[in-house]
């Protein structure tokens, strides 16, 4: 048989193998094809999780307090059924291998988690979506900064993320100082507070809304705030600015809020 005839026969065999769905590789292996199989699927113990963010400012007797941040990440437990060698892609740049894996997401968001099961004949795949929200608390020190045009102020960063999110929460301000409490003030010396919700871009204020600006005679004041379906790009932020026009007012703020996707 001539070399030309042998070449034609080899090409015919190769094309026939391709039409049958795989290239023969020796006696025991064939080309792997990726497909969704009813015999392989993945599950998670809960498809919604909540990360926790806590910020505490420690008073050191000046305007340069030490800040402690504690971040507790929700733990997702993923399980595969019907797989042998299973590789996971969590959609946040991290991967893992195993029939059962545990993963935590650093940032709130929606994540497409995919898994592939590799065998000698195919690569089976399945995926699911998990959502991570954030609950946050900030305990900041007394409003101490003396800066015109206000007597004192402080800022609480609401740590938004990029994407479309909703933020809802409340700010609690309590009297905490050496001067007489707000509840004991006479009508001409009532405590004063101004709360402004500010949106920033690269550190510059681009929008603001006054949530509260009034005097009061109680030792605790609560102000609610809510933002629904707001889009944040990289470098954009949202913060609460607290101000008082009176040097003798000592207010200790605490804020609680949630970021939902």
C-alpha atoms as a PDB file:
ATOM      1  CA  UNK A   1       0.000   0.000   0.000  1.00  0.00           C
ATOM      2  CA  UNK A   2       1.386   3.386  -0.930  1.00  0.00           C
ATOM      3  CA  UNK A   3       2.034   6.131   1.594  1.00  0.00           C
ATOM      4  CA  UNK A   4      -0.626   8.277  -0.064  1.00  0.00           C
ATOM      5  CA  UNK A   5      -3.292   5.591   0.349  1.00  0.00           C
ATOM      6  CA  UNK A   6      -2.285   5.093   4.019  1.00  0.00           C
ATOM      7  CA  UNK A   7      -2.642   8.837   4.660  1.00  0.00           C
ATOM      8  CA  UNK A   8      -6.129   8.906   3.121  1.00  0.00           C
ATOM      9  CA  UNK A   9      -7.238   5.950   5.242  1.00  0.00           C
ATOM     10  CA  UNK A  10      -5.853   7.591   8.452  1.00  0.00           C
ATOM     11  CA  UNK A  11      -7.690  10.839   7.765  1.00  0.00           C
ATOM     12  CA  UNK A  12     -10.927   8.909   7.133  1.00  0.00           C
ATOM     13  CA  UNK A  13     -10.591   7.118  10.458  1.00  0.00           C
ATOM     14  CA  UNK A  14      -9.927  10.427  12.255  1.00  0.00           C
ATOM     15  CA  UNK A  15     -13.018  12.087  10.748  1.00  0.00           C
ATOM     16  CA  UNK A  16     -15.148   9.077  11.621  1.00  0.00           C
ATOM     17  CA  UNK A  17     -13.948   9.269  15.223  1.00  0.00           C
ATOM     18  CA  UNK A  18     -14.830  12.963  15.424  1.00  0.00           C
ATOM     19  CA  UNK A  19     -18.326  12.325  14.079  1.00  0.00           C
ATOM     20  CA  UNK A  20     -18.872   9.747  16.801  1.00  0.00           C
ATOM     21  CA  UNK A  21     -18.191  12.373  19.477  1.00  0.00           C
ATOM     22  CA  UNK A  22     -14.591  11.794  20.584  1.00  0.00           C
ATOM     23  CA  UNK A  23     -11.003  11.210  19.568  1.00  0.00           C
ATOM     24  CA  UNK A  24      -9.678   7.826  20.655  1.00  0.00           C
ATOM     25  CA  UNK A  25      -6.673   8.159  22.954  1.00  0.00           C
ATOM     26  CA  UNK A  26      -5.156   4.706  23.398  1.00  0.00           C
ATOM     27  CA  UNK A  27      -7.226   1.828  24.773  1.00  0.00           C
ATOM     28  CA  UNK A  28      -8.829   3.454  27.878  1.00  0.00           C
ATOM     29  CA  UNK A  29      -9.340   7.211  27.296  1.00  0.00           C
ATOM     30  CA  UNK A  30     -11.454   9.397  25.006  1.00  0.00           C
ATOM     31  CA  UNK A  31     -11.759  13.180  24.632  1.00  0.00           C
ATOM     32  CA  UNK A  32     -13.731  14.778  27.501  1.00  0.00           C
ATOM     33  CA  UNK A  33     -16.958  16.576  26.667  1.00  0.00           C
ATOM     34  CA  UNK A  34     -18.467  19.082  29.156  1.00  0.00           C
ATOM     35  CA  UNK A  35     -22.193  18.708  29.765  1.00  0.00           C
ATOM     36  CA  UNK A  36     -24.856  19.177  32.410  1.00  0.00           C
ATOM     37  CA  UNK A  37     -25.776  15.769  33.746  1.00  0.00           C
ATOM     38  CA  UNK A  38     -28.866  14.830  35.789  1.00  0.00           C
ATOM     39  CA  UNK A  39     -26.563  12.531  37.755  1.00  0.00           C
ATOM     40  CA  UNK A  40     -24.386  15.410  38.998  1.00  0.00           C
ATOM     41  CA  UNK A  41     -25.614  18.430  40.934  1.00  0.00           C
ATOM     42  CA  UNK A  42     -24.464  20.855  43.608  1.00  0.00           C
ATOM     43  CA  UNK A  43     -26.229  22.227  46.687  1.00  0.00           C
ATOM     44  CA  UNK A  44     -25.600  24.800  49.411  1.00  0.00           C
ATOM     45  CA  UNK A  45     -26.904  24.853  52.979  1.00  0.00           C
ATOM     46  CA  UNK A  46     -28.304  28.393  52.472  1.00  0.00           C
ATOM     47  CA  UNK A  47     -28.250  30.507  49.321  1.00  0.00           C
ATOM     48  CA  UNK A  48     -28.372  33.798  51.275  1.00  0.00           C
ATOM     49  CA  UNK A  49     -25.745  34.812  53.832  1.00  0.00           C
ATOM     50  CA  UNK A  50     -25.017  37.884  55.949  1.00  0.00           C
ATOM     51  CA  UNK A  51     -21.523  39.218  56.613  1.00  0.00           C
ATOM     52  CA  UNK A  52     -21.039  41.327  59.760  1.00  0.00           C
ATOM     53  CA  UNK A  53     -19.022  44.555  59.939  1.00  0.00           C
ATOM     54  CA  UNK A  54     -18.234  46.233  63.282  1.00  0.00           C
ATOM     55  CA  UNK A  55     -16.274  49.458  63.721  1.00  0.00           C
ATOM     56  CA  UNK A  56     -15.303  50.817  67.132  1.00  0.00           C
ATOM     57  CA  UNK A  57     -13.371  54.022  67.807  1.00  0.00           C
ATOM     58  CA  UNK A  58     -11.342  54.021  71.014  1.00  0.00           C
ATOM     59  CA  UNK A  59     -11.096  57.406  72.719  1.00  0.00           C
ATOM     60  CA  UNK A  60      -7.499  58.441  73.318  1.00  0.00           C
ATOM     61  CA  UNK A  61      -8.303  61.944  74.523  1.00  0.00           C
ATOM     62  CA  UNK A  62      -7.791  63.679  71.170  1.00  0.00           C
ATOM     63  CA  UNK A  63      -9.293  63.780  67.682  1.00  0.00           C
ATOM     64  CA  UNK A  64      -7.104  60.940  66.430  1.00  0.00           C
ATOM     65  CA  UNK A  65      -8.886  57.908  67.885  1.00  0.00           C
ATOM     66  CA  UNK A  66      -7.736  54.354  67.283  1.00  0.00           C
ATOM     67  CA  UNK A  67     -10.144  52.430  65.053  1.00  0.00           C
ATOM     68  CA  UNK A  68     -10.832  48.719  65.399  1.00  0.00           C
ATOM     69  CA  UNK A  69     -12.708  46.877  62.644  1.00  0.00           C
ATOM     70  CA  UNK A  70     -14.058  43.360  63.063  1.00  0.00           C
ATOM     71  CA  UNK A  71     -15.385  41.555  59.984  1.00  0.00           C
ATOM     72  CA  UNK A  72     -17.224  38.268  60.412  1.00  0.00           C
ATOM     73  CA  UNK A  73     -17.856  36.414  57.149  1.00  0.00           C
ATOM     74  CA  UNK A  74     -20.787  34.087  56.590  1.00  0.00           C
ATOM     75  CA  UNK A  75     -19.710  30.499  55.957  1.00  0.00           C
ATOM     76  CA  UNK A  76     -21.353  28.675  53.036  1.00  0.00           C
ATOM     77  CA  UNK A  77     -21.268  24.870  52.928  1.00  0.00           C
ATOM     78  CA  UNK A  78     -21.340  23.476  49.383  1.00  0.00           C
ATOM     79  CA  UNK A  79     -22.011  19.823  48.566  1.00  0.00           C
ATOM     80  CA  UNK A  80     -21.852  17.906  45.291  1.00  0.00           C
ATOM     81  CA  UNK A  81     -23.812  14.752  44.483  1.00  0.00           C
ATOM     82  CA  UNK A  82     -22.747  12.179  41.906  1.00  0.00           C
ATOM     83  CA  UNK A  83     -19.273  13.573  41.303  1.00  0.00           C
ATOM     84  CA  UNK A  84     -15.866  12.031  41.653  1.00  0.00           C
ATOM     85  CA  UNK A  85     -13.133  14.631  41.191  1.00  0.00           C
ATOM     86  CA  UNK A  86     -14.973  17.932  41.748  1.00  0.00           C
ATOM     87  CA  UNK A  87     -13.486  21.376  41.123  1.00  0.00           C
ATOM     88  CA  UNK A  88     -15.263  24.522  42.341  1.00  0.00           C
ATOM     89  CA  UNK A  89     -15.180  28.109  41.066  1.00  0.00           C
ATOM     90  CA  UNK A  90     -16.801  30.529  43.520  1.00  0.00           C
ATOM     91  CA  UNK A  91     -17.017  33.490  41.147  1.00  0.00           C
ATOM     92  CA  UNK A  92     -14.859  35.745  43.335  1.00  0.00           C
ATOM     93  CA  UNK A  93     -11.460  34.631  42.074  1.00  0.00           C
ATOM     94  CA  UNK A  94     -11.193  31.669  44.457  1.00  0.00           C
ATOM     95  CA  UNK A  95     -11.378  27.956  43.676  1.00  0.00           C
ATOM     96  CA  UNK A  96     -11.377  24.684  45.612  1.00  0.00           C
ATOM     97  CA  UNK A  97     -11.545  20.912  45.116  1.00  0.00           C
ATOM     98  CA  UNK A  98     -13.561  18.271  46.918  1.00  0.00           C
ATOM     99  CA  UNK A  99     -16.962  16.622  47.202  1.00  0.00           C
ATOM    100  CA  UNK A 100     -17.802  19.033  50.056  1.00  0.00           C
ATOM    101  CA  UNK A 101     -16.233  22.482  50.444  1.00  0.00           C
ATOM    102  CA  UNK A 102     -16.667  25.530  52.677  1.00  0.00           C
ATOM    103  CA  UNK A 103     -16.246  29.088  51.412  1.00  0.00           C
ATOM    104  CA  UNK A 104     -16.579  32.676  52.684  1.00  0.00           C
ATOM    105  CA  UNK A 105     -17.026  35.752  50.492  1.00  0.00           C
ATOM    106  CA  UNK A 106     -15.140  38.910  51.481  1.00  0.00           C
ATOM    107  CA  UNK A 107     -17.610  41.295  49.838  1.00  0.00           C
ATOM    108  CA  UNK A 108     -21.414  41.422  49.612  1.00  0.00           C
ATOM    109  CA  UNK A 109     -22.816  40.573  46.194  1.00  0.00           C
ATOM    110  CA  UNK A 110     -24.346  37.876  44.018  1.00  0.00           C
ATOM    111  CA  UNK A 111     -21.990  35.062  43.053  1.00  0.00           C
ATOM    112  CA  UNK A 112     -22.345  32.323  40.444  1.00  0.00           C
ATOM    113  CA  UNK A 113     -20.762  29.231  41.983  1.00  0.00           C
ATOM    114  CA  UNK A 114     -19.960  26.505  39.443  1.00  0.00           C
ATOM    115  CA  UNK A 115     -18.597  22.991  39.853  1.00  0.00           C
ATOM    116  CA  UNK A 116     -17.253  20.397  37.417  1.00  0.00           C
ATOM    117  CA  UNK A 117     -16.912  16.671  37.948  1.00  0.00           C
ATOM    118  CA  UNK A 118     -14.179  14.987  35.919  1.00  0.00           C
ATOM    119  CA  UNK A 119     -14.349  11.334  34.936  1.00  0.00           C
ATOM    120  CA  UNK A 120     -12.675   9.260  32.224  1.00  0.00           C
ATOM    121  CA  UNK A 121     -15.558   9.862  29.806  1.00  0.00           C
ATOM    122  CA  UNK A 122     -16.938  13.353  30.481  1.00  0.00           C
ATOM    123  CA  UNK A 123     -16.837  16.568  32.422  1.00  0.00           C
ATOM    124  CA  UNK A 124     -20.218  17.135  34.107  1.00  0.00           C
ATOM    125  CA  UNK A 125     -21.103  20.621  35.325  1.00  0.00           C
ATOM    126  CA  UNK A 126     -23.625  22.314  37.568  1.00  0.00           C
ATOM    127  CA  UNK A 127     -23.949  25.771  39.145  1.00  0.00           C
ATOM    128  CA  UNK A 128     -25.969  27.835  41.582  1.00  0.00           C
ATOM    129  CA  UNK A 129     -26.213  31.462  42.755  1.00  0.00           C
ATOM    130  CA  UNK A 130     -25.614  32.674  46.318  1.00  0.00           C
ATOM    131  CA  UNK A 131     -26.250  36.172  47.678  1.00  0.00           C
ATOM    132  CA  UNK A 132     -24.200  37.862  50.394  1.00  0.00           C
ATOM    133  CA  UNK A 133     -25.606  40.849  52.305  1.00  0.00           C
ATOM    134  CA  UNK A 134     -23.925  42.964  55.001  1.00  0.00           C
ATOM    135  CA  UNK A 135     -25.074  44.050  58.434  1.00  0.00           C
ATOM    136  CA  UNK A 136     -22.974  46.801  60.008  1.00  0.00           C
ATOM    137  CA  UNK A 137     -22.493  48.631  63.294  1.00  0.00           C
ATOM    138  CA  UNK A 138     -20.319  51.646  64.044  1.00  0.00           C
ATOM    139  CA  UNK A 139     -19.592  53.031  67.511  1.00  0.00           C
ATOM    140  CA  UNK A 140     -17.675  56.268  67.150  1.00  0.00           C
ATOM    141  CA  UNK A 141     -16.268  58.605  69.767  1.00  0.00           C
ATOM    142  CA  UNK A 142     -17.797  61.876  70.911  1.00  0.00           C
ATOM    143  CA  UNK A 143     -18.017  64.656  68.346  1.00  0.00           C
ATOM    144  CA  UNK A 144     -14.861  66.550  69.312  1.00  0.00           C
ATOM    145  CA  UNK A 145     -13.493  68.322  66.245  1.00  0.00           C
ATOM    146  CA  UNK A 146     -13.752  72.130  66.411  1.00  0.00           C
ATOM    147  CA  UNK A 147     -13.891  73.264  62.789  1.00  0.00           C
ATOM    148  CA  UNK A 148     -15.717  76.192  61.201  1.00  0.00           C
ATOM    149  CA  UNK A 149     -18.484  76.680  60.351  1.00  0.00           C
ATOM    150  CA  UNK A 150     -19.613  74.048  62.878  1.00  0.00           C
ATOM    151  CA  UNK A 151     -18.439  73.664  66.453  1.00  0.00           C
ATOM    152  CA  UNK A 152     -18.026  69.890  66.277  1.00  0.00           C
ATOM    153  CA  UNK A 153     -18.498  67.162  63.710  1.00  0.00           C
ATOM    154  CA  UNK A 154     -17.818  63.539  62.911  1.00  0.00           C
ATOM    155  CA  UNK A 155     -18.253  61.238  59.899  1.00  0.00           C
ATOM    156  CA  UNK A 156     -19.475  57.641  59.704  1.00  0.00           C
ATOM    157  CA  UNK A 157     -18.576  55.759  56.526  1.00  0.00           C
ATOM    158  CA  UNK A 158     -21.365  53.412  55.410  1.00  0.00           C
ATOM    159  CA  UNK A 159     -18.866  51.309  53.383  1.00  0.00           C
ATOM    160  CA  UNK A 160     -20.894  50.782  50.197  1.00  0.00           C
ATOM    161  CA  UNK A 161     -19.862  48.331  47.480  1.00  0.00           C
ATOM    162  CA  UNK A 162     -19.973  48.695  43.711  1.00  0.00           C
ATOM    163  CA  UNK A 163     -23.191  47.699  41.982  1.00  0.00           C
ATOM    164  CA  UNK A 164     -26.877  48.229  42.682  1.00  0.00           C
ATOM    165  CA  UNK A 165     -27.544  48.079  46.418  1.00  0.00           C
ATOM    166  CA  UNK A 166     -29.987  49.257  49.068  1.00  0.00           C
ATOM    167  CA  UNK A 167     -28.914  50.707  52.422  1.00  0.00           C
ATOM    168  CA  UNK A 168     -31.262  51.020  55.387  1.00  0.00           C
ATOM    169  CA  UNK A 169     -30.461  51.813  58.997  1.00  0.00           C
ATOM    170  CA  UNK A 170     -30.648  54.219  61.878  1.00  0.00           C
ATOM    171  CA  UNK A 171     -28.354  56.551  63.768  1.00  0.00           C
ATOM    172  CA  UNK A 172     -28.519  56.814  67.552  1.00  0.00           C
ATOM    173  CA  UNK A 173     -27.004  59.836  69.295  1.00  0.00           C
ATOM    174  CA  UNK A 174     -26.635  59.910  73.083  1.00  0.00           C
ATOM    175  CA  UNK A 175     -25.525  62.716  75.363  1.00  0.00           C
ATOM    176  CA  UNK A 176     -22.106  61.837  76.760  1.00  0.00           C
ATOM    177  CA  UNK A 177     -20.104  64.644  78.310  1.00  0.00           C
ATOM    178  CA  UNK A 178     -19.341  66.817  81.297  1.00  0.00           C
ATOM    179  CA  UNK A 179     -21.983  69.470  80.553  1.00  0.00           C
ATOM    180  CA  UNK A 180     -25.547  69.107  81.771  1.00  0.00           C
ATOM    181  CA  UNK A 181     -27.601  66.492  79.925  1.00  0.00           C
ATOM    182  CA  UNK A 182     -29.932  67.462  77.095  1.00  0.00           C
ATOM    183  CA  UNK A 183     -32.971  66.578  79.200  1.00  0.00           C
ATOM    184  CA  UNK A 184     -32.003  69.196  81.843  1.00  0.00           C
ATOM    185  CA  UNK A 185     -31.385  72.094  79.433  1.00  0.00           C
ATOM    186  CA  UNK A 186     -33.526  75.197  79.526  1.00  0.00           C
ATOM    187  CA  UNK A 187     -35.440  76.068  76.324  1.00  0.00           C
ATOM    188  CA  UNK A 188     -32.751  78.553  75.215  1.00  0.00           C
ATOM    189  CA  UNK A 189     -29.885  76.033  75.552  1.00  0.00           C
ATOM    190  CA  UNK A 190     -31.319  72.908  74.031  1.00  0.00           C
ATOM    191  CA  UNK A 191     -28.971  70.385  72.456  1.00  0.00           C
ATOM    192  CA  UNK A 192     -28.478  70.717  68.728  1.00  0.00           C
ATOM    193  CA  UNK A 193     -27.686  68.171  66.026  1.00  0.00           C
ATOM    194  CA  UNK A 194     -27.443  68.192  62.239  1.00  0.00           C
ATOM    195  CA  UNK A 195     -27.259  64.893  60.329  1.00  0.00           C
ATOM    196  CA  UNK A 196     -26.351  64.966  56.633  1.00  0.00           C
ATOM    197  CA  UNK A 197     -26.291  61.999  54.256  1.00  0.00           C
ATOM    198  CA  UNK A 198     -23.467  62.644  51.783  1.00  0.00           C
ATOM    199  CA  UNK A 199     -22.533  60.856  48.598  1.00  0.00           C
ATOM    200  CA  UNK A 200     -18.885  61.107  47.565  1.00  0.00           C
ATOM    201  CA  UNK A 201     -16.771  60.500  44.497  1.00  0.00           C
ATOM    202  CA  UNK A 202     -13.033  60.043  44.972  1.00  0.00           C
ATOM    203  CA  UNK A 203     -13.400  61.711  48.365  1.00  0.00           C
ATOM    204  CA  UNK A 204     -15.296  64.764  47.076  1.00  0.00           C
ATOM    205  CA  UNK A 205     -18.904  65.422  48.082  1.00  0.00           C
ATOM    206  CA  UNK A 206     -21.166  65.282  45.024  1.00  0.00           C
ATOM    207  CA  UNK A 207     -24.596  65.096  46.693  1.00  0.00           C
ATOM    208  CA  UNK A 208     -26.014  65.597  50.155  1.00  0.00           C
ATOM    209  CA  UNK A 209     -29.332  65.421  51.964  1.00  0.00           C
ATOM    210  CA  UNK A 210     -30.076  66.842  55.414  1.00  0.00           C
ATOM    211  CA  UNK A 211     -31.827  64.161  57.443  1.00  0.00           C
ATOM    212  CA  UNK A 212     -32.156  66.162  60.661  1.00  0.00           C
ATOM    213  CA  UNK A 213     -31.313  69.708  61.758  1.00  0.00           C
ATOM    214  CA  UNK A 214     -32.961  70.791  64.974  1.00  0.00           C
ATOM    215  CA  UNK A 215     -32.653  71.194  68.741  1.00  0.00           C
ATOM    216  CA  UNK A 216     -33.969  68.656  71.239  1.00  0.00           C
ATOM    217  CA  UNK A 217     -34.257  68.051  74.963  1.00  0.00           C
ATOM    218  CA  UNK A 218     -33.778  64.288  75.239  1.00  0.00           C
ATOM    219  CA  UNK A 219     -30.635  62.333  76.055  1.00  0.00           C
ATOM    220  CA  UNK A 220     -31.124  60.083  73.033  1.00  0.00           C
ATOM    221  CA  UNK A 221     -32.060  60.927  69.470  1.00  0.00           C
ATOM    222  CA  UNK A 222     -32.716  58.375  66.690  1.00  0.00           C
ATOM    223  CA  UNK A 223     -32.626  59.268  62.987  1.00  0.00           C
ATOM    224  CA  UNK A 224     -33.586  56.731  60.296  1.00  0.00           C
ATOM    225  CA  UNK A 225     -32.100  56.628  56.807  1.00  0.00           C
ATOM    226  CA  UNK A 226     -32.789  54.547  53.699  1.00  0.00           C
ATOM    227  CA  UNK A 227     -31.513  54.337  50.119  1.00  0.00           C
ATOM    228  CA  UNK A 228     -33.225  51.993  47.676  1.00  0.00           C
ATOM    229  CA  UNK A 229     -31.596  50.491  44.565  1.00  0.00           C
ATOM    230  CA  UNK A 230     -28.732  52.971  44.291  1.00  0.00           C
ATOM    231  CA  UNK A 231     -25.900  52.318  41.837  1.00  0.00           C
ATOM    232  CA  UNK A 232     -22.343  52.782  43.098  1.00  0.00           C
ATOM    233  CA  UNK A 233     -19.345  52.843  40.798  1.00  0.00           C
ATOM    234  CA  UNK A 234     -15.704  52.316  41.746  1.00  0.00           C
ATOM    235  CA  UNK A 235     -14.502  55.265  43.859  1.00  0.00           C
ATOM    236  CA  UNK A 236     -17.993  56.327  44.973  1.00  0.00           C
ATOM    237  CA  UNK A 237     -19.055  56.289  48.622  1.00  0.00           C
ATOM    238  CA  UNK A 238     -21.809  57.231  51.041  1.00  0.00           C
ATOM    239  CA  UNK A 239     -21.394  58.630  54.555  1.00  0.00           C
ATOM    240  CA  UNK A 240     -23.204  60.243  57.468  1.00  0.00           C
ATOM    241  CA  UNK A 241     -21.886  63.599  58.634  1.00  0.00           C
ATOM    242  CA  UNK A 242     -22.894  64.735  62.131  1.00  0.00           C
ATOM    243  CA  UNK A 243     -22.571  68.380  63.150  1.00  0.00           C
ATOM    244  CA  UNK A 244     -23.476  70.571  66.099  1.00  0.00           C
ATOM    245  CA  UNK A 245     -23.183  74.328  66.346  1.00  0.00           C
ATOM    246  CA  UNK A 246     -22.649  74.314  70.111  1.00  0.00           C
ATOM    247  CA  UNK A 247     -19.307  73.662  71.792  1.00  0.00           C
ATOM    248  CA  UNK A 248     -20.983  72.552  74.997  1.00  0.00           C
ATOM    249  CA  UNK A 249     -22.882  69.691  73.300  1.00  0.00           C
ATOM    250  CA  UNK A 250     -21.294  66.252  73.687  1.00  0.00           C
ATOM    251  CA  UNK A 251     -22.902  63.627  71.485  1.00  0.00           C
ATOM    252  CA  UNK A 252     -21.788  60.006  71.116  1.00  0.00           C
ATOM    253  CA  UNK A 253     -23.068  58.478  67.857  1.00  0.00           C
ATOM    254  CA  UNK A 254     -23.803  54.842  67.028  1.00  0.00           C
ATOM    255  CA  UNK A 255     -25.044  53.654  63.669  1.00  0.00           C
ATOM    256  CA  UNK A 256     -26.610  50.372  62.570  1.00  0.00           C
ATOM    257  CA  UNK A 257     -27.385  49.584  58.945  1.00  0.00           C
ATOM    258  CA  UNK A 258     -27.744  46.817  56.392  1.00  0.00           C
ATOM    259  CA  UNK A 259     -26.559  46.625  52.797  1.00  0.00           C
ATOM    260  CA  UNK A 260     -28.730  44.367  50.653  1.00  0.00           C
ATOM    261  CA  UNK A 261     -28.066  43.349  47.073  1.00  0.00           C
END
